[in-house]
Amino acid sequence: MNLSTGLIQPARFVPTEHCDEREFSGDISLLVIHNISLPPKQFGGPYIDQLFTGTLNPSDHPYFEDIAALRVSSHLLIRRNGDVVQYVPFHKRAWHAGVSSFDGRDKCNDYSIGIELEGADDIPYEEMQYQTLAKITRVILKAYPQITAERIAGHSDIAPGRKTDPGPAFDWDNFRTLNEA
């Protein structure tokens, strides 16, 4: 990882305007794991890139009519095959958490890094995704020591009742074991 650019290799970088400067970049202390698939439960294709860059065409799928105008992003996406896409440099604030709270502190976007897994709550993730997520997590923990194993959460943990991802199909035990390797 290059701390001056906030980019991780070998991610494909797809820059987005759906981000802004953090109030204090030295406060990165939370890692949030999400899932996304567009259309829901369908994998591959350009639609996640398009959503995060504000170029999603609402006429491409009926589901897109309700989400095409959203201004959302994530720092990283891990595709089903383990490929990594980066949308926002880590030192900037991605718009992934929405209304959220962790350990009594609101506005998780201000102090977190968001990683999306291409997936759905109830569809098992690929082992390659776990391998890639664990490898990236180890790099992030080293670069941002305020993020500890106890400060890795699912979107459902920081927005309970509003969000369910990464869902029951996410194998936390497998991820933790791989992350300790």
N, C-alpha and C. Protein backbone atom coordinates (compact mmCIF):
# COMPACT_ATOMS: atom_id res chain seq x y z
N MET A 1 0.84 -1.17 0.00
CA MET A 1 0.00 0.00 0.00
C MET A 1 0.89 1.24 0.00
N ASN A 2 0.50 2.21 -0.77
CA ASN A 2 1.20 3.47 -0.81
C ASN A 2 0.43 4.47 0.06
N LEU A 3 0.94 4.79 1.23
CA LEU A 3 0.22 5.66 2.15
C LEU A 3 0.08 7.08 1.61
N SER A 4 1.00 7.52 0.78
CA SER A 4 0.89 8.88 0.25
C SER A 4 -0.24 9.00 -0.77
N THR A 5 -0.49 7.95 -1.54
CA THR A 5 -1.59 7.99 -2.52
C THR A 5 -2.87 7.37 -1.96
N GLY A 6 -2.74 6.54 -0.91
CA GLY A 6 -3.90 5.85 -0.36
C GLY A 6 -4.38 4.71 -1.22
N LEU A 7 -3.54 4.24 -2.12
CA LEU A 7 -3.94 3.17 -3.04
C LEU A 7 -3.23 1.86 -2.68
N ILE A 8 -3.91 0.77 -2.98
CA ILE A 8 -3.37 -0.55 -2.70
C ILE A 8 -3.15 -1.27 -4.04
N GLN A 9 -2.10 -2.03 -4.11
CA GLN A 9 -1.80 -2.80 -5.32
C GLN A 9 -2.11 -4.26 -5.07
N PRO A 10 -2.57 -4.99 -6.03
CA PRO A 10 -2.71 -4.67 -7.45
C PRO A 10 -4.13 -4.28 -7.83
N ALA A 11 -4.79 -3.47 -7.04
CA ALA A 11 -6.17 -3.08 -7.35
C ALA A 11 -6.25 -2.29 -8.65
N ARG A 12 -7.35 -2.50 -9.34
CA ARG A 12 -7.69 -1.66 -10.50
C ARG A 12 -8.34 -0.40 -9.93
N PHE A 13 -7.81 0.76 -10.24
CA PHE A 13 -8.31 2.01 -9.67
C PHE A 13 -9.36 2.62 -10.61
N VAL A 14 -10.57 2.80 -10.07
CA VAL A 14 -11.67 3.44 -10.78
C VAL A 14 -12.08 4.64 -9.93
N PRO A 15 -11.54 5.80 -10.22
CA PRO A 15 -11.81 6.96 -9.36
C PRO A 15 -13.26 7.42 -9.43
N THR A 16 -13.76 7.90 -8.32
CA THR A 16 -15.12 8.40 -8.23
C THR A 16 -15.12 9.77 -7.56
N GLU A 17 -16.13 10.54 -7.87
CA GLU A 17 -16.34 11.81 -7.18
C GLU A 17 -17.21 11.62 -5.95
N HIS A 18 -17.67 10.39 -5.71
CA HIS A 18 -18.52 10.10 -4.57
C HIS A 18 -17.67 9.85 -3.33
N CYS A 19 -16.96 10.88 -2.93
CA CYS A 19 -16.11 10.84 -1.75
C CYS A 19 -15.75 12.27 -1.41
N ASP A 20 -15.13 12.46 -0.27
CA ASP A 20 -14.63 13.78 0.09
C ASP A 20 -13.48 13.64 1.07
N GLU A 21 -12.94 14.76 1.46
CA GLU A 21 -11.82 14.75 2.40
C GLU A 21 -12.33 14.38 3.78
N ARG A 22 -11.52 13.62 4.50
CA ARG A 22 -11.84 13.33 5.90
C ARG A 22 -11.51 14.58 6.72
N GLU A 23 -12.27 14.79 7.77
CA GLU A 23 -11.98 15.91 8.66
C GLU A 23 -10.61 15.75 9.29
N PHE A 24 -10.29 14.50 9.66
CA PHE A 24 -8.99 14.21 10.26
C PHE A 24 -8.56 12.83 9.77
N SER A 25 -7.62 12.78 8.83
CA SER A 25 -7.23 11.51 8.22
C SER A 25 -6.45 10.61 9.18
N GLY A 26 -5.98 11.14 10.30
CA GLY A 26 -5.28 10.32 11.29
C GLY A 26 -6.21 9.53 12.18
N ASP A 27 -7.50 9.61 11.91
CA ASP A 27 -8.52 8.99 12.76
C ASP A 27 -9.10 7.72 12.14
N ILE A 28 -8.42 7.09 11.21
CA ILE A 28 -8.94 5.89 10.57
C ILE A 28 -8.81 4.73 11.55
N SER A 29 -9.97 4.28 12.07
CA SER A 29 -9.94 3.33 13.18
C SER A 29 -10.99 2.23 13.10
N LEU A 30 -11.59 2.03 11.94
CA LEU A 30 -12.64 1.02 11.79
C LEU A 30 -12.60 0.47 10.37
N LEU A 31 -12.80 -0.82 10.23
CA LEU A 31 -12.93 -1.48 8.93
C LEU A 31 -14.33 -2.06 8.86
N VAL A 32 -15.07 -1.72 7.81
CA VAL A 32 -16.45 -2.18 7.65
C VAL A 32 -16.55 -3.07 6.42
N ILE A 33 -17.12 -4.25 6.60
CA ILE A 33 -17.29 -5.22 5.51
C ILE A 33 -18.75 -5.20 5.06
N HIS A 34 -18.94 -5.09 3.76
CA HIS A 34 -20.25 -5.00 3.13
C HIS A 34 -20.38 -6.11 2.08
N ASN A 35 -21.57 -6.16 1.48
CA ASN A 35 -21.72 -6.92 0.23
C ASN A 35 -22.54 -6.11 -0.74
N ILE A 36 -22.36 -6.41 -2.01
CA ILE A 36 -23.12 -5.75 -3.06
C ILE A 36 -23.17 -6.67 -4.27
N SER A 37 -24.31 -6.64 -4.95
CA SER A 37 -24.46 -7.30 -6.24
C SER A 37 -25.51 -6.51 -7.02
N LEU A 38 -25.21 -6.29 -8.28
CA LEU A 38 -26.11 -5.52 -9.14
C LEU A 38 -26.24 -6.21 -10.48
N PRO A 39 -27.51 -6.49 -10.88
CA PRO A 39 -28.72 -6.51 -10.08
C PRO A 39 -28.57 -7.46 -8.89
N PRO A 40 -29.47 -7.38 -7.91
CA PRO A 40 -29.34 -8.23 -6.72
C PRO A 40 -29.16 -9.71 -7.08
N LYS A 41 -28.18 -10.30 -6.42
CA LYS A 41 -27.86 -11.73 -6.55
C LYS A 41 -27.34 -12.11 -7.93
N GLN A 42 -26.89 -11.13 -8.71
CA GLN A 42 -26.26 -11.39 -10.00
C GLN A 42 -24.85 -10.83 -9.94
N PHE A 43 -23.90 -11.59 -10.44
CA PHE A 43 -22.50 -11.22 -10.29
C PHE A 43 -21.85 -10.96 -11.64
N GLY A 44 -20.80 -10.17 -11.60
CA GLY A 44 -20.09 -9.79 -12.82
C GLY A 44 -20.73 -8.55 -13.42
N GLY A 45 -20.16 -8.11 -14.49
CA GLY A 45 -20.71 -6.95 -15.18
C GLY A 45 -20.21 -5.63 -14.64
N PRO A 46 -20.60 -4.55 -15.29
CA PRO A 46 -20.06 -3.23 -14.99
C PRO A 46 -20.87 -2.42 -13.98
N TYR A 47 -21.94 -2.97 -13.45
CA TYR A 47 -22.91 -2.14 -12.74
C TYR A 47 -22.43 -1.59 -11.40
N ILE A 48 -21.59 -2.31 -10.68
CA ILE A 48 -21.08 -1.78 -9.41
C ILE A 48 -20.18 -0.59 -9.69
N ASP A 49 -19.29 -0.71 -10.66
CA ASP A 49 -18.46 0.44 -11.05
C ASP A 49 -19.34 1.62 -11.41
N GLN A 50 -20.38 1.36 -12.16
CA GLN A 50 -21.26 2.44 -12.60
C GLN A 50 -22.00 3.09 -11.43
N LEU A 51 -22.48 2.28 -10.49
CA LEU A 51 -23.15 2.86 -9.31
C LEU A 51 -22.19 3.76 -8.54
N PHE A 52 -20.99 3.26 -8.28
CA PHE A 52 -20.05 4.02 -7.46
C PHE A 52 -19.46 5.24 -8.18
N THR A 53 -19.60 5.30 -9.49
CA THR A 53 -19.11 6.46 -10.23
C THR A 53 -20.24 7.35 -10.74
N GLY A 54 -21.47 7.04 -10.36
CA GLY A 54 -22.60 7.87 -10.73
C GLY A 54 -23.00 7.77 -12.18
N THR A 55 -22.70 6.64 -12.83
CA THR A 55 -23.02 6.49 -14.26
C THR A 55 -23.99 5.34 -14.53
N LEU A 56 -24.66 4.85 -13.50
CA LEU A 56 -25.58 3.73 -13.66
C LEU A 56 -26.81 4.18 -14.44
N ASN A 57 -27.13 3.47 -15.50
CA ASN A 57 -28.27 3.80 -16.34
C ASN A 57 -29.52 3.15 -15.75
N PRO A 58 -30.51 3.94 -15.33
CA PRO A 58 -31.70 3.35 -14.72
C PRO A 58 -32.51 2.48 -15.66
N SER A 59 -32.32 2.61 -16.95
CA SER A 59 -33.09 1.80 -17.90
C SER A 59 -32.45 0.43 -18.16
N ASP A 60 -31.26 0.19 -17.61
CA ASP A 60 -30.60 -1.10 -17.84
C ASP A 60 -31.26 -2.26 -17.07
N HIS A 61 -31.95 -1.95 -15.98
CA HIS A 61 -32.62 -3.00 -15.18
C HIS A 61 -33.65 -2.30 -14.30
N PRO A 62 -34.82 -2.89 -14.10
CA PRO A 62 -35.85 -2.24 -13.27
C PRO A 62 -35.35 -1.86 -11.86
N TYR A 63 -34.49 -2.67 -11.27
CA TYR A 63 -33.98 -2.37 -9.93
C TYR A 63 -33.19 -1.07 -9.91
N PHE A 64 -32.54 -0.75 -11.01
CA PHE A 64 -31.67 0.43 -11.07
C PHE A 64 -32.45 1.74 -11.01
N GLU A 65 -33.74 1.70 -11.33
CA GLU A 65 -34.54 2.93 -11.30
C GLU A 65 -34.52 3.58 -9.92
N ASP A 66 -34.49 2.76 -8.86
CA ASP A 66 -34.52 3.29 -7.50
C ASP A 66 -33.15 3.66 -6.95
N ILE A 67 -32.08 3.17 -7.59
CA ILE A 67 -30.75 3.41 -7.01
C ILE A 67 -29.82 4.24 -7.88
N ALA A 68 -30.20 4.49 -9.12
CA ALA A 68 -29.28 5.15 -10.06
C ALA A 68 -28.83 6.53 -9.58
N ALA A 69 -29.65 7.23 -8.84
CA ALA A 69 -29.31 8.59 -8.40
C ALA A 69 -28.54 8.61 -7.07
N LEU A 70 -28.33 7.44 -6.46
CA LEU A 70 -27.61 7.41 -5.19
C LEU A 70 -26.17 7.89 -5.38
N ARG A 71 -25.66 8.56 -4.38
CA ARG A 71 -24.26 8.99 -4.38
C ARG A 71 -23.57 8.20 -3.28
N VAL A 72 -23.11 7.01 -3.66
CA VAL A 72 -22.47 6.08 -2.72
C VAL A 72 -21.16 5.60 -3.31
N SER A 73 -20.31 5.08 -2.43
CA SER A 73 -19.03 4.54 -2.88
C SER A 73 -18.48 3.65 -1.78
N SER A 74 -17.39 3.04 -2.08
CA SER A 74 -16.64 2.25 -1.11
C SER A 74 -15.17 2.41 -1.44
N HIS A 75 -14.33 2.11 -0.48
CA HIS A 75 -12.91 2.17 -0.79
C HIS A 75 -12.53 1.05 -1.76
N LEU A 76 -12.99 -0.17 -1.45
CA LEU A 76 -12.62 -1.33 -2.25
C LEU A 76 -13.82 -2.20 -2.55
N LEU A 77 -13.70 -2.95 -3.64
CA LEU A 77 -14.61 -4.03 -3.99
C LEU A 77 -13.76 -5.26 -4.25
N ILE A 78 -14.15 -6.38 -3.67
CA ILE A 78 -13.49 -7.66 -3.97
C ILE A 78 -14.49 -8.50 -4.77
N ARG A 79 -14.14 -8.72 -6.02
CA ARG A 79 -15.00 -9.49 -6.93
C ARG A 79 -15.00 -10.97 -6.54
N ARG A 80 -15.89 -11.74 -7.12
CA ARG A 80 -16.04 -13.16 -6.80
C ARG A 80 -14.76 -13.93 -7.07
N ASN A 81 -13.97 -13.51 -8.06
CA ASN A 81 -12.73 -14.21 -8.38
C ASN A 81 -11.52 -13.68 -7.60
N GLY A 82 -11.76 -12.76 -6.68
CA GLY A 82 -10.68 -12.20 -5.86
C GLY A 82 -10.07 -10.93 -6.41
N ASP A 83 -10.44 -10.52 -7.63
CA ASP A 83 -9.92 -9.26 -8.17
C ASP A 83 -10.38 -8.10 -7.31
N VAL A 84 -9.54 -7.08 -7.22
CA VAL A 84 -9.81 -5.93 -6.35
C VAL A 84 -9.95 -4.67 -7.19
N VAL A 85 -10.98 -3.90 -6.88
CA VAL A 85 -11.20 -2.60 -7.49
C VAL A 85 -11.17 -1.57 -6.36
N GLN A 86 -10.43 -0.48 -6.57
CA GLN A 86 -10.42 0.59 -5.59
C GLN A 86 -11.07 1.82 -6.20
N TYR A 87 -12.01 2.42 -5.45
CA TYR A 87 -12.73 3.59 -5.92
C TYR A 87 -12.28 4.86 -5.20
N VAL A 88 -11.90 4.72 -3.94
CA VAL A 88 -11.56 5.87 -3.12
C VAL A 88 -10.24 5.59 -2.40
N PRO A 89 -9.29 6.50 -2.47
CA PRO A 89 -8.06 6.33 -1.68
C PRO A 89 -8.40 6.26 -0.19
N PHE A 90 -7.64 5.49 0.55
CA PHE A 90 -7.97 5.27 1.96
C PHE A 90 -7.98 6.54 2.80
N HIS A 91 -7.16 7.52 2.45
CA HIS A 91 -7.11 8.74 3.26
C HIS A 91 -8.32 9.64 3.02
N LYS A 92 -9.15 9.31 2.02
CA LYS A 92 -10.38 10.07 1.78
C LYS A 92 -11.58 9.32 2.36
N ARG A 93 -12.69 10.04 2.51
CA ARG A 93 -13.91 9.48 3.07
C ARG A 93 -14.79 8.94 1.95
N ALA A 94 -14.98 7.63 1.93
CA ALA A 94 -15.94 7.00 1.01
C ALA A 94 -17.32 7.08 1.66
N TRP A 95 -18.34 6.99 0.85
CA TRP A 95 -19.71 7.11 1.33
C TRP A 95 -20.37 5.73 1.34
N HIS A 96 -19.96 4.89 2.28
CA HIS A 96 -20.41 3.50 2.32
C HIS A 96 -21.28 3.14 3.51
N ALA A 97 -21.20 3.87 4.60
CA ALA A 97 -21.84 3.44 5.83
C ALA A 97 -23.21 4.06 6.07
N GLY A 98 -23.46 5.23 5.55
CA GLY A 98 -24.73 5.90 5.79
C GLY A 98 -24.91 6.21 7.27
N VAL A 99 -26.16 6.25 7.71
CA VAL A 99 -26.45 6.47 9.13
C VAL A 99 -25.91 5.27 9.89
N SER A 100 -24.95 5.51 10.77
CA SER A 100 -24.24 4.40 11.39
C SER A 100 -23.60 4.83 12.71
N SER A 101 -23.24 3.82 13.50
CA SER A 101 -22.59 4.07 14.78
C SER A 101 -21.78 2.84 15.17
N PHE A 102 -20.59 3.10 15.73
CA PHE A 102 -19.76 2.01 16.24
C PHE A 102 -19.16 2.44 17.57
N ASP A 103 -19.31 1.59 18.57
CA ASP A 103 -18.73 1.84 19.88
C ASP A 103 -19.14 3.22 20.42
N GLY A 104 -20.41 3.56 20.20
CA GLY A 104 -20.95 4.82 20.71
C GLY A 104 -20.63 6.05 19.87
N ARG A 105 -19.97 5.88 18.75
CA ARG A 105 -19.60 7.01 17.91
C ARG A 105 -20.34 6.94 16.57
N ASP A 106 -21.02 8.01 16.21
CA ASP A 106 -21.80 8.08 14.98
C ASP A 106 -20.92 8.40 13.77
N LYS A 107 -21.54 8.40 12.60
CA LYS A 107 -20.92 8.80 11.34
C LYS A 107 -19.67 7.99 11.01
N CYS A 108 -19.85 6.70 10.86
CA CYS A 108 -18.72 5.79 10.64
C CYS A 108 -17.91 6.12 9.39
N ASN A 109 -18.53 6.74 8.39
CA ASN A 109 -17.75 7.12 7.20
C ASN A 109 -16.56 8.00 7.57
N ASP A 110 -16.70 8.80 8.62
CA ASP A 110 -15.65 9.74 9.01
C ASP A 110 -14.35 9.04 9.39
N TYR A 111 -14.44 7.83 9.94
CA TYR A 111 -13.26 7.19 10.51
C TYR A 111 -13.09 5.73 10.09
N SER A 112 -13.74 5.34 9.00
CA SER A 112 -13.67 3.94 8.59
C SER A 112 -13.19 3.77 7.16
N ILE A 113 -12.80 2.54 6.88
CA ILE A 113 -12.52 2.06 5.53
C ILE A 113 -13.60 1.04 5.21
N GLY A 114 -14.20 1.17 4.03
CA GLY A 114 -15.26 0.26 3.61
C GLY A 114 -14.79 -0.67 2.52
N ILE A 115 -15.05 -1.97 2.72
CA ILE A 115 -14.72 -2.98 1.72
C ILE A 115 -16.01 -3.72 1.35
N GLU A 116 -16.33 -3.70 0.07
CA GLU A 116 -17.48 -4.44 -0.45
C GLU A 116 -17.01 -5.78 -0.99
N LEU A 117 -17.75 -6.81 -0.69
CA LEU A 117 -17.56 -8.12 -1.32
C LEU A 117 -18.68 -8.29 -2.33
N GLU A 118 -18.33 -8.71 -3.54
CA GLU A 118 -19.38 -9.00 -4.51
C GLU A 118 -20.11 -10.24 -4.01
N GLY A 119 -21.35 -10.04 -3.60
CA GLY A 119 -22.09 -11.14 -3.03
C GLY A 119 -23.46 -10.70 -2.55
N ALA A 120 -24.11 -11.61 -1.85
CA ALA A 120 -25.43 -11.37 -1.28
C ALA A 120 -25.49 -12.05 0.09
N ASP A 121 -26.36 -11.55 0.93
CA ASP A 121 -26.44 -12.03 2.31
C ASP A 121 -26.53 -13.55 2.43
N ASP A 122 -27.26 -14.17 1.51
CA ASP A 122 -27.57 -15.60 1.66
C ASP A 122 -26.91 -16.49 0.61
N ILE A 123 -25.91 -15.97 -0.09
CA ILE A 123 -25.17 -16.77 -1.07
C ILE A 123 -23.73 -16.88 -0.58
N PRO A 124 -23.22 -18.10 -0.40
CA PRO A 124 -21.85 -18.24 0.12
C PRO A 124 -20.83 -17.46 -0.73
N TYR A 125 -19.90 -16.87 -0.04
CA TYR A 125 -18.81 -16.15 -0.71
C TYR A 125 -17.78 -17.15 -1.19
N GLU A 126 -16.98 -16.75 -2.15
CA GLU A 126 -15.94 -17.60 -2.71
C GLU A 126 -14.71 -17.59 -1.80
N GLU A 127 -14.03 -18.72 -1.73
CA GLU A 127 -12.83 -18.80 -0.90
C GLU A 127 -11.79 -17.78 -1.33
N MET A 128 -11.69 -17.51 -2.63
CA MET A 128 -10.74 -16.51 -3.10
C MET A 128 -11.07 -15.13 -2.53
N GLN A 129 -12.34 -14.83 -2.32
CA GLN A 129 -12.70 -13.55 -1.72
C GLN A 129 -12.20 -13.47 -0.28
N TYR A 130 -12.35 -14.56 0.46
CA TYR A 130 -11.84 -14.58 1.84
C TYR A 130 -10.32 -14.42 1.86
N GLN A 131 -9.64 -15.12 0.96
CA GLN A 131 -8.19 -15.02 0.89
C GLN A 131 -7.75 -13.58 0.61
N THR A 132 -8.39 -12.97 -0.37
CA THR A 132 -8.05 -11.59 -0.73
C THR A 132 -8.40 -10.63 0.39
N LEU A 133 -9.58 -10.79 0.97
CA LEU A 133 -10.00 -9.92 2.08
C LEU A 133 -9.02 -10.01 3.24
N ALA A 134 -8.59 -11.22 3.59
CA ALA A 134 -7.66 -11.39 4.71
C ALA A 134 -6.31 -10.74 4.39
N LYS A 135 -5.83 -10.92 3.18
CA LYS A 135 -4.55 -10.32 2.78
C LYS A 135 -4.62 -8.80 2.86
N ILE A 136 -5.69 -8.23 2.31
CA ILE A 136 -5.86 -6.77 2.34
C ILE A 136 -6.04 -6.28 3.77
N THR A 137 -6.78 -7.02 4.56
CA THR A 137 -7.00 -6.62 5.96
C THR A 137 -5.68 -6.55 6.71
N ARG A 138 -4.81 -7.52 6.50
CA ARG A 138 -3.50 -7.49 7.17
C ARG A 138 -2.70 -6.25 6.76
N VAL A 139 -2.77 -5.87 5.50
CA VAL A 139 -2.09 -4.67 5.02
C VAL A 139 -2.70 -3.42 5.68
N ILE A 140 -4.02 -3.38 5.75
CA ILE A 140 -4.71 -2.23 6.35
C ILE A 140 -4.38 -2.12 7.84
N LEU A 141 -4.39 -3.25 8.55
CA LEU A 141 -4.09 -3.22 9.98
C LEU A 141 -2.68 -2.71 10.25
N LYS A 142 -1.76 -3.06 9.37
CA LYS A 142 -0.39 -2.60 9.52
C LYS A 142 -0.28 -1.10 9.24
N ALA A 143 -0.98 -0.64 8.22
CA ALA A 143 -0.91 0.77 7.82
C ALA A 143 -1.71 1.67 8.76
N TYR A 144 -2.77 1.14 9.34
CA TYR A 144 -3.65 1.93 10.21
C TYR A 144 -3.79 1.20 11.55
N PRO A 145 -2.83 1.35 12.45
CA PRO A 145 -2.80 0.56 13.68
C PRO A 145 -3.97 0.82 14.64
N GLN A 146 -4.74 1.87 14.42
CA GLN A 146 -5.93 2.07 15.26
C GLN A 146 -7.02 1.07 14.92
N ILE A 147 -6.93 0.47 13.72
CA ILE A 147 -7.87 -0.60 13.37
C ILE A 147 -7.29 -1.89 13.94
N THR A 148 -8.02 -2.49 14.84
CA THR A 148 -7.62 -3.76 15.44
C THR A 148 -8.67 -4.82 15.06
N ALA A 149 -8.40 -6.05 15.40
CA ALA A 149 -9.35 -7.13 15.11
C ALA A 149 -10.73 -6.83 15.71
N GLU A 150 -10.75 -6.15 16.85
CA GLU A 150 -12.01 -5.80 17.51
C GLU A 150 -12.73 -4.66 16.80
N ARG A 151 -12.04 -4.00 15.91
CA ARG A 151 -12.62 -2.85 15.20
C ARG A 151 -12.84 -3.17 13.72
N ILE A 152 -13.18 -4.44 13.47
CA ILE A 152 -13.62 -4.89 12.15
C ILE A 152 -15.08 -5.31 12.32
N ALA A 153 -15.96 -4.69 11.54
CA ALA A 153 -17.39 -4.91 11.72
C ALA A 153 -18.08 -5.10 10.38
N GLY A 154 -19.23 -5.72 10.45
CA GLY A 154 -20.08 -5.80 9.27
C GLY A 154 -20.97 -4.57 9.21
N HIS A 155 -21.48 -4.28 8.04
CA HIS A 155 -22.40 -3.15 7.89
C HIS A 155 -23.59 -3.31 8.82
N SER A 156 -24.03 -4.55 8.99
CA SER A 156 -25.15 -4.83 9.89
C SER A 156 -24.83 -4.48 11.34
N ASP A 157 -23.56 -4.51 11.72
CA ASP A 157 -23.17 -4.18 13.08
C ASP A 157 -23.21 -2.68 13.36
N ILE A 158 -22.96 -1.88 12.33
CA ILE A 158 -22.91 -0.43 12.53
C ILE A 158 -24.22 0.25 12.14
N ALA A 159 -25.11 -0.49 11.49
CA ALA A 159 -26.42 0.05 11.09
C ALA A 159 -27.49 -1.02 11.31
N PRO A 160 -27.60 -1.53 12.56
CA PRO A 160 -28.56 -2.61 12.82
C PRO A 160 -29.99 -2.16 12.56
N GLY A 161 -30.76 -3.10 11.99
CA GLY A 161 -32.14 -2.79 11.66
C GLY A 161 -32.29 -2.10 10.32
N ARG A 162 -31.22 -1.50 9.83
CA ARG A 162 -31.23 -0.82 8.53
C ARG A 162 -30.49 -1.61 7.47
N LYS A 163 -29.40 -2.28 7.87
CA LYS A 163 -28.58 -3.05 6.94
C LYS A 163 -28.38 -4.46 7.46
N THR A 164 -28.21 -5.42 6.53
CA THR A 164 -28.04 -6.83 6.91
C THR A 164 -26.73 -7.42 6.43
N ASP A 165 -25.98 -6.69 5.63
CA ASP A 165 -24.75 -7.25 5.05
C ASP A 165 -23.58 -7.18 6.02
N PRO A 166 -22.63 -8.08 5.91
CA PRO A 166 -22.42 -9.01 4.81
C PRO A 166 -23.31 -10.25 4.87
N GLY A 167 -24.16 -10.36 5.87
CA GLY A 167 -25.18 -11.40 5.91
C GLY A 167 -24.73 -12.71 6.53
N PRO A 168 -25.70 -13.60 6.72
CA PRO A 168 -25.41 -14.89 7.36
C PRO A 168 -24.51 -15.79 6.53
N ALA A 169 -24.38 -15.56 5.24
CA ALA A 169 -23.50 -16.39 4.42
C ALA A 169 -22.03 -16.04 4.62
N PHE A 170 -21.75 -14.90 5.24
CA PHE A 170 -20.35 -14.52 5.47
C PHE A 170 -19.79 -15.33 6.63
N ASP A 171 -18.70 -16.03 6.39
CA ASP A 171 -18.08 -16.91 7.38
C ASP A 171 -17.03 -16.13 8.18
N TRP A 172 -17.48 -15.52 9.26
CA TRP A 172 -16.58 -14.71 10.10
C TRP A 172 -15.43 -15.54 10.65
N ASP A 173 -15.71 -16.79 11.06
CA ASP A 173 -14.65 -17.64 11.61
C ASP A 173 -13.56 -17.90 10.57
N ASN A 174 -13.94 -18.21 9.37
CA ASN A 174 -12.97 -18.42 8.29
C ASN A 174 -12.16 -17.15 8.06
N PHE A 175 -12.83 -16.02 7.96
CA PHE A 175 -12.13 -14.75 7.73
C PHE A 175 -11.14 -14.47 8.86
N ARG A 176 -11.57 -14.64 10.11
CA ARG A 176 -10.66 -14.38 11.26
C ARG A 176 -9.47 -15.30 11.25
N THR A 177 -9.69 -16.57 10.94
CA THR A 177 -8.59 -17.53 10.88
C THR A 177 -7.59 -17.14 9.81
N LEU A 178 -8.08 -16.81 8.63
CA LEU A 178 -7.20 -16.40 7.54
C LEU A 178 -6.47 -15.10 7.86
N ASN A 179 -7.15 -14.20 8.53
CA ASN A 179 -6.56 -12.91 8.86
C ASN A 179 -5.42 -13.05 9.86
N GLU A 180 -5.47 -14.09 10.68
CA GLU A 180 -4.41 -14.31 11.68
C GLU A 180 -3.21 -15.00 11.09
N ALA A 181 -3.37 -15.58 9.90
CA ALA A 181 -2.27 -16.34 9.28
C ALA A 181 -1.09 -15.47 8.90
